[in-house]
Amino acid sequence: MIKPLADRVLVEPQEAQTKTASGIYIPDTAQEKPQQGTVVAAGPGKKDEPMEVKAGDVVLYGKYAGTEVTVDYKKYIIVKQSDILAIL
């Protein structure tokens, strides 16, 4: 498993919407990049900046934040704690 360092957070993104509220299916090429996910692991934080998120939190992060990684065919995003906009 991946163990984030310092103020990094490992997030499992939610699946992109494939259907609109009115029932129209959205093709893969037109889907928005997900901005919400579940924290899988969090680093220990920095000396002057403690971690505010923990494993299991559902968070909202910036659209172009972080680095995408794939482990065992599952996609994850590693983001800095400062890239997390809110805990839902």
C-alpha atoms as a PDB file:
ATOM      1  CA  MET A   1       0.000   0.000   0.000  1.00  0.00           C
ATOM      2  CA  ILE A   2       1.072   3.579  -0.547  1.00  0.00           C
ATOM      3  CA  LYS A   3       2.096   5.602   2.522  1.00  0.00           C
ATOM      4  CA  PRO A   4       2.040   9.375   1.864  1.00  0.00           C
ATOM      5  CA  LEU A   5       4.852  11.516   3.288  1.00  0.00           C
ATOM      6  CA  ALA A   6       4.715  14.905   5.060  1.00  0.00           C
ATOM      7  CA  ASP A   7       1.493  16.775   4.187  1.00  0.00           C
ATOM      8  CA  ARG A   8       0.448  14.506   1.305  1.00  0.00           C
ATOM      9  CA  VAL A   9      -2.915  12.690   1.191  1.00  0.00           C
ATOM     10  CA  LEU A  10      -3.874   9.595  -0.832  1.00  0.00           C
ATOM     11  CA  VAL A  11      -7.416  10.000  -2.221  1.00  0.00           C
ATOM     12  CA  GLU A  12      -9.592   7.482  -4.070  1.00  0.00           C
ATOM     13  CA  PRO A  13     -11.632   9.613  -6.502  1.00  0.00           C
ATOM     14  CA  GLN A  14     -15.351   9.030  -6.975  1.00  0.00           C
ATOM     15  CA  GLU A  15     -16.506   7.775 -10.332  1.00  0.00           C
ATOM     16  CA  ALA A  16     -17.434  10.430 -12.885  1.00  0.00           C
ATOM     17  CA  GLN A  17     -21.122  10.946 -13.617  1.00  0.00           C
ATOM     18  CA  THR A  18     -22.169   8.830 -16.603  1.00  0.00           C
ATOM     19  CA  LYS A  19     -25.778   9.979 -16.725  1.00  0.00           C
ATOM     20  CA  THR A  20     -27.417  13.378 -16.243  1.00  0.00           C
ATOM     21  CA  ALA A  21     -30.396  13.998 -13.976  1.00  0.00           C
ATOM     22  CA  SER A  22     -32.668  13.962 -17.021  1.00  0.00           C
ATOM     23  CA  GLY A  23     -31.399  10.506 -18.091  1.00  0.00           C
ATOM     24  CA  ILE A  24     -28.964  11.431 -20.874  1.00  0.00           C
ATOM     25  CA  TYR A  25     -25.786   9.319 -20.940  1.00  0.00           C
ATOM     26  CA  ILE A  26     -22.516  11.245 -21.090  1.00  0.00           C
ATOM     27  CA  PRO A  27     -19.761   9.746 -23.291  1.00  0.00           C
ATOM     28  CA  ASP A  28     -16.317   9.144 -21.738  1.00  0.00           C
ATOM     29  CA  THR A  29     -14.761  11.928 -23.800  1.00  0.00           C
ATOM     30  CA  ALA A  30     -17.152  14.556 -22.403  1.00  0.00           C
ATOM     31  CA  GLN A  31     -17.097  13.539 -18.735  1.00  0.00           C
ATOM     32  CA  GLU A  32     -15.783  15.988 -16.144  1.00  0.00           C
ATOM     33  CA  LYS A  33     -12.783  15.017 -14.053  1.00  0.00           C
ATOM     34  CA  PRO A  34     -14.015  14.050 -10.546  1.00  0.00           C
ATOM     35  CA  GLN A  35     -13.263  16.538  -7.757  1.00  0.00           C
ATOM     36  CA  GLN A  36     -14.523  14.498  -4.821  1.00  0.00           C
ATOM     37  CA  GLY A  37     -13.093  11.411  -3.202  1.00  0.00           C
ATOM     38  CA  THR A  38     -12.399   9.415  -0.063  1.00  0.00           C
ATOM     39  CA  VAL A  39      -9.144   9.723   1.869  1.00  0.00           C
ATOM     40  CA  VAL A  40      -7.382   6.349   1.943  1.00  0.00           C
ATOM     41  CA  ALA A  41      -4.247   7.436   3.834  1.00  0.00           C
ATOM     42  CA  ALA A  42      -2.686  10.643   5.117  1.00  0.00           C
ATOM     43  CA  GLY A  43       0.901  11.549   5.932  1.00  0.00           C
ATOM     44  CA  PRO A  44       2.059  12.613   9.403  1.00  0.00           C
ATOM     45  CA  GLY A  45       1.964  16.336   8.571  1.00  0.00           C
ATOM     46  CA  LYS A  46       4.656  18.954   8.924  1.00  0.00           C
ATOM     47  CA  LYS A  47       6.154  20.375  12.092  1.00  0.00           C
ATOM     48  CA  ASP A  48       4.236  23.646  11.800  1.00  0.00           C
ATOM     49  CA  GLU A  49       1.187  22.245   9.942  1.00  0.00           C
ATOM     50  CA  PRO A  50      -0.701  19.309  11.536  1.00  0.00           C
ATOM     51  CA  MET A  51      -2.913  17.082   9.395  1.00  0.00           C
ATOM     52  CA  GLU A  52      -6.608  17.981   9.451  1.00  0.00           C
ATOM     53  CA  VAL A  53      -7.836  15.046   7.332  1.00  0.00           C
ATOM     54  CA  LYS A  54      -7.812  11.371   8.223  1.00  0.00           C
ATOM     55  CA  ALA A  55      -8.575   8.092   6.469  1.00  0.00           C
ATOM     56  CA  GLY A  56     -12.265   7.741   5.662  1.00  0.00           C
ATOM     57  CA  ASP A  57     -12.976  11.477   5.224  1.00  0.00           C
ATOM     58  CA  VAL A  58     -14.820  12.476   2.049  1.00  0.00           C
ATOM     59  CA  VAL A  59     -13.059  15.512   0.595  1.00  0.00           C
ATOM     60  CA  LEU A  60     -13.401  18.026  -2.205  1.00  0.00           C
ATOM     61  CA  TYR A  61     -10.141  18.883  -3.999  1.00  0.00           C
ATOM     62  CA  GLY A  62      -9.023  21.160  -6.825  1.00  0.00           C
ATOM     63  CA  LYS A  63      -9.787  20.112 -10.404  1.00  0.00           C
ATOM     64  CA  TYR A  64      -6.156  19.913 -11.533  1.00  0.00           C
ATOM     65  CA  ALA A  65      -4.616  19.116  -8.143  1.00  0.00           C
ATOM     66  CA  GLY A  66      -2.374  16.188  -7.377  1.00  0.00           C
ATOM     67  CA  THR A  67      -0.724  13.333  -9.188  1.00  0.00           C
ATOM     68  CA  GLU A  68      -2.650  10.338 -10.469  1.00  0.00           C
ATOM     69  CA  VAL A  69      -1.263   6.885  -9.647  1.00  0.00           C
ATOM     70  CA  THR A  70      -2.560   3.372 -10.358  1.00  0.00           C
ATOM     71  CA  VAL A  71      -2.031   0.506  -7.913  1.00  0.00           C
ATOM     72  CA  ASP A  72      -3.546  -2.934  -8.545  1.00  0.00           C
ATOM     73  CA  TYR A  73      -5.771  -1.502 -11.322  1.00  0.00           C
ATOM     74  CA  LYS A  74      -7.279   1.117  -8.954  1.00  0.00           C
ATOM     75  CA  LYS A  75      -6.772   4.822  -9.575  1.00  0.00           C
ATOM     76  CA  TYR A  76      -5.691   7.124  -6.764  1.00  0.00           C
ATOM     77  CA  ILE A  77      -4.635  10.754  -6.512  1.00  0.00           C
ATOM     78  CA  ILE A  78      -1.879  12.037  -4.239  1.00  0.00           C
ATOM     79  CA  VAL A  79      -2.578  15.656  -3.248  1.00  0.00           C
ATOM     80  CA  LYS A  80      -1.116  18.111  -0.765  1.00  0.00           C
ATOM     81  CA  GLN A  81      -3.320  18.920   2.188  1.00  0.00           C
ATOM     82  CA  SER A  82      -3.417  22.552   0.969  1.00  0.00           C
ATOM     83  CA  ASP A  83      -5.055  21.354  -2.312  1.00  0.00           C
ATOM     84  CA  ILE A  84      -8.029  19.976  -0.367  1.00  0.00           C
ATOM     85  CA  LEU A  85     -10.807  22.547  -0.416  1.00  0.00           C
ATOM     86  CA  ALA A  86     -13.268  21.022   2.069  1.00  0.00           C
ATOM     87  CA  ILE A  87     -14.180  17.972   4.114  1.00  0.00           C
ATOM     88  CA  LEU A  88     -17.739  16.885   3.322  1.00  0.00           C
END
